[in-house]
């Protein structure tokens, strides 16, 4: 069975959705939840599902091998960023080539980059009168939101949509597609 580590910075709704998806299958399981926010609700979700959940600081992620060694000792096959707001470190990317994926709440390459997350993305999309938005699942490289695109799904934007209603539409796409794409990556990996 494949092993997944999830990095998240906030409430962890996508993380929990992924956990639940794989609990019903024998293809993979989430073995580790990691966060840069010691008060993140994702840690409660991990605990509720009896999954190891740990928080770390910048030093542990960027200036030591603490997080890298944890991932290696957990024998993870895939690292999933689900609302993780820090830039992912090059030394971990090098140790897990093409094994780190992220979900972005817009159709990249539009509305990506540093500071473009959550409500910031939805506000920009609405302000620019876009006719559609969606999600992008992509491999992570050393630049924000520039890794190779694996999958995109779209949703129409109506004149009645607000950043809040758009966020709800995007969440539905995330919940539907992210676990399936993760499973596809893991079952097609060599």
Protein backbone atom coordinates (compact mmCIF):
# COMPACT_ATOMS: atom_id res chain seq x y z
CA UNK A 1 0.00 0.00 0.00
CA UNK A 2 1.28 3.47 -0.95
CA UNK A 3 1.99 6.00 1.79
CA UNK A 4 0.99 9.68 1.66
CA UNK A 5 2.18 12.64 3.73
CA UNK A 6 0.03 15.77 3.64
CA UNK A 7 1.28 19.29 4.36
CA UNK A 8 -1.38 21.86 5.29
CA UNK A 9 -1.38 25.26 6.99
CA UNK A 10 -5.00 25.69 8.04
CA UNK A 11 -8.26 23.92 8.69
CA UNK A 12 -7.43 20.83 6.64
CA UNK A 13 -10.73 20.17 4.88
CA UNK A 14 -8.91 18.89 1.78
CA UNK A 15 -6.60 16.80 3.96
CA UNK A 16 -9.56 15.20 5.72
CA UNK A 17 -11.29 14.56 2.41
CA UNK A 18 -8.16 12.76 1.15
CA UNK A 19 -7.89 10.75 4.40
CA UNK A 20 -11.52 9.62 4.11
CA UNK A 21 -11.16 8.76 0.43
CA UNK A 22 -8.24 6.42 1.05
CA UNK A 23 -9.78 4.86 4.16
CA UNK A 24 -12.30 3.29 1.80
CA UNK A 25 -9.65 1.91 -0.56
CA UNK A 26 -6.65 -0.37 -0.34
CA UNK A 27 -4.46 1.64 -2.73
CA UNK A 28 -2.93 4.11 -0.26
CA UNK A 29 -3.21 5.64 3.17
CA UNK A 30 -2.31 8.95 4.74
CA UNK A 31 0.44 8.21 7.27
CA UNK A 32 1.56 11.72 8.25
CA UNK A 33 0.05 15.22 8.55
CA UNK A 34 2.56 18.06 8.79
CA UNK A 35 1.88 21.74 9.36
CA UNK A 36 3.75 25.00 9.83
CA UNK A 37 0.98 26.20 12.17
CA UNK A 38 0.88 24.62 15.63
CA UNK A 39 -2.74 25.82 16.05
CA UNK A 40 -3.97 24.51 12.68
CA UNK A 41 -7.25 22.63 12.78
CA UNK A 42 -5.68 20.03 10.48
CA UNK A 43 -3.87 18.66 13.58
CA UNK A 44 -7.26 17.94 15.21
CA UNK A 45 -8.40 16.21 12.05
CA UNK A 46 -5.26 14.06 12.04
CA UNK A 47 -5.82 13.13 15.69
CA UNK A 48 -9.48 12.24 15.01
CA UNK A 49 -8.32 9.82 12.31
CA UNK A 50 -5.47 8.43 14.42
CA UNK A 51 -2.83 9.76 12.02
CA UNK A 52 0.44 11.23 13.21
CA UNK A 53 0.22 15.02 13.11
CA UNK A 54 3.17 17.30 13.76
CA UNK A 55 3.92 20.99 13.48
CA UNK A 56 7.32 22.40 12.60
CA UNK A 57 9.01 25.78 12.36
CA UNK A 58 11.02 27.41 9.57
CA UNK A 59 14.30 26.07 10.94
CA UNK A 60 13.08 22.46 10.87
CA UNK A 61 11.83 22.83 7.29
CA UNK A 62 14.46 25.02 5.64
CA UNK A 63 17.66 24.90 7.69
CA UNK A 64 17.86 21.32 8.89
CA UNK A 65 16.94 17.84 7.71
CA UNK A 66 14.37 17.33 10.48
CA UNK A 67 11.31 17.34 8.20
CA UNK A 68 13.16 15.51 5.41
CA UNK A 69 14.27 12.76 7.81
CA UNK A 70 10.73 12.43 9.14
CA UNK A 71 9.41 11.92 5.60
CA UNK A 72 12.12 9.38 4.84
CA UNK A 73 11.49 7.44 8.06
CA UNK A 74 7.76 7.35 7.24
CA UNK A 75 8.64 5.83 3.82
CA UNK A 76 6.26 8.15 1.99
CA UNK A 77 5.53 7.56 -1.67
CA UNK A 78 3.87 10.92 -2.30
CA UNK A 79 3.84 14.31 -0.59
CA UNK A 80 0.59 16.23 -1.00
CA UNK A 81 0.36 19.96 -0.37
CA UNK A 82 -3.24 20.77 0.55
CA UNK A 83 -3.39 24.42 1.51
CA UNK A 84 0.26 24.62 2.54
CA UNK A 85 1.32 28.26 2.30
CA UNK A 86 5.11 28.14 2.55
CA UNK A 87 7.40 27.65 -0.41
CA UNK A 88 8.48 24.02 -0.49
CA UNK A 89 12.22 23.56 0.17
CA UNK A 90 14.58 22.48 -2.60
CA UNK A 91 16.33 19.81 -0.50
CA UNK A 92 13.06 17.93 0.06
CA UNK A 93 12.07 18.32 -3.60
CA UNK A 94 15.46 16.85 -4.56
CA UNK A 95 14.93 13.87 -2.25
CA UNK A 96 11.41 13.25 -3.63
CA UNK A 97 11.63 14.03 -7.38
CA UNK A 98 8.19 14.19 -9.01
CA UNK A 99 6.68 13.02 -5.74
CA UNK A 100 5.36 16.36 -4.44
CA UNK A 101 2.00 17.63 -5.70
CA UNK A 102 -0.04 20.71 -4.91
CA UNK A 103 -3.57 21.89 -5.55
CA UNK A 104 -4.17 25.51 -6.55
CA UNK A 105 -7.63 27.17 -6.53
CA UNK A 106 -7.37 28.68 -10.03
CA UNK A 107 -6.53 27.71 -13.58
CA UNK A 108 -2.77 28.12 -13.70
CA UNK A 109 -0.78 29.82 -15.09
CA UNK A 110 -3.33 32.54 -14.26
CA UNK A 111 -3.63 33.68 -10.63
CA UNK A 112 -0.61 31.83 -9.32
CA UNK A 113 2.51 32.85 -7.48
CA UNK A 114 3.49 34.16 -4.07
CA UNK A 115 0.54 35.46 -2.08
CA UNK A 116 -2.04 33.96 -4.42
CA UNK A 117 -3.99 31.59 -2.20
CA UNK A 118 -7.53 31.21 -0.91
CA UNK A 119 -9.65 34.36 -0.91
CA UNK A 120 -6.86 36.36 -2.62
CA UNK A 121 -7.26 34.19 -5.71
CA UNK A 122 -11.08 34.29 -5.75
CA UNK A 123 -11.14 38.09 -5.25
CA UNK A 124 -8.73 38.58 -8.17
CA UNK A 125 -10.70 36.25 -10.44
CA UNK A 126 -14.01 38.06 -9.70
CA UNK A 127 -12.43 41.54 -9.98
CA UNK A 128 -11.09 40.66 -13.43
CA UNK A 129 -14.54 39.52 -14.62
CA UNK A 130 -13.31 36.06 -15.57
CA UNK A 131 -15.92 33.76 -17.10
CA UNK A 132 -14.45 30.63 -15.55
CA UNK A 133 -12.13 29.47 -12.83
CA UNK A 134 -11.22 26.09 -11.44
CA UNK A 135 -8.50 24.01 -9.87
CA UNK A 136 -5.03 23.01 -10.96
CA UNK A 137 -3.22 20.00 -9.57
CA UNK A 138 0.47 20.22 -10.37
CA UNK A 139 3.89 18.90 -9.47
CA UNK A 140 5.81 21.20 -7.15
CA UNK A 141 9.11 22.72 -8.20
CA UNK A 142 11.26 25.44 -6.67
CA UNK A 143 8.90 28.23 -7.86
CA UNK A 144 5.39 28.98 -6.59
CA UNK A 145 2.76 27.37 -8.83
CA UNK A 146 5.08 26.74 -11.80
CA UNK A 147 5.45 22.95 -11.70
CA UNK A 148 4.12 20.74 -14.50
CA UNK A 149 0.33 20.63 -14.60
CA UNK A 150 -1.19 17.20 -13.95
CA UNK A 151 -4.91 18.02 -14.03
CA UNK A 152 -7.34 20.93 -14.31
CA UNK A 153 -11.09 21.17 -13.78
CA UNK A 154 -13.21 24.22 -14.59
CA UNK A 155 -16.34 25.89 -13.29
CA UNK A 156 -18.32 28.70 -14.86
CA UNK A 157 -18.56 32.06 -13.12
CA UNK A 158 -21.90 33.86 -13.28
CA UNK A 159 -22.60 37.55 -12.76
CA UNK A 160 -24.11 36.65 -9.37
CA UNK A 161 -20.95 34.95 -8.12
CA UNK A 162 -19.00 36.51 -5.28
CA UNK A 163 -15.56 35.47 -4.03
CA UNK A 164 -17.40 33.41 -1.38
CA UNK A 165 -19.68 31.57 -3.81
CA UNK A 166 -16.74 30.99 -6.15
CA UNK A 167 -14.78 29.54 -3.23
CA UNK A 168 -17.62 27.06 -2.62
CA UNK A 169 -17.58 25.98 -6.27
CA UNK A 170 -13.80 25.56 -6.15
CA UNK A 171 -14.01 23.49 -2.93
CA UNK A 172 -16.45 21.12 -4.62
CA UNK A 173 -14.01 20.60 -7.49
CA UNK A 174 -11.16 20.04 -5.01
CA UNK A 175 -13.12 17.47 -3.00
CA UNK A 176 -14.22 15.60 -6.12
CA UNK A 177 -10.96 15.53 -8.07
CA UNK A 178 -7.96 15.81 -5.72
CA UNK A 179 -8.20 12.32 -4.14
CA UNK A 180 -8.85 10.70 -7.54
CA UNK A 181 -5.85 12.41 -9.13
CA UNK A 182 -3.64 11.43 -6.17
CA UNK A 183 -4.75 7.82 -6.53
CA UNK A 184 -4.08 7.94 -10.27
CA UNK A 185 -0.56 9.31 -9.69
CA UNK A 186 0.18 6.57 -7.14
CA UNK A 187 -1.22 3.69 -9.20
CA UNK A 188 0.64 4.83 -12.33
CA UNK A 189 3.95 5.48 -10.56
CA UNK A 190 6.85 3.17 -11.32
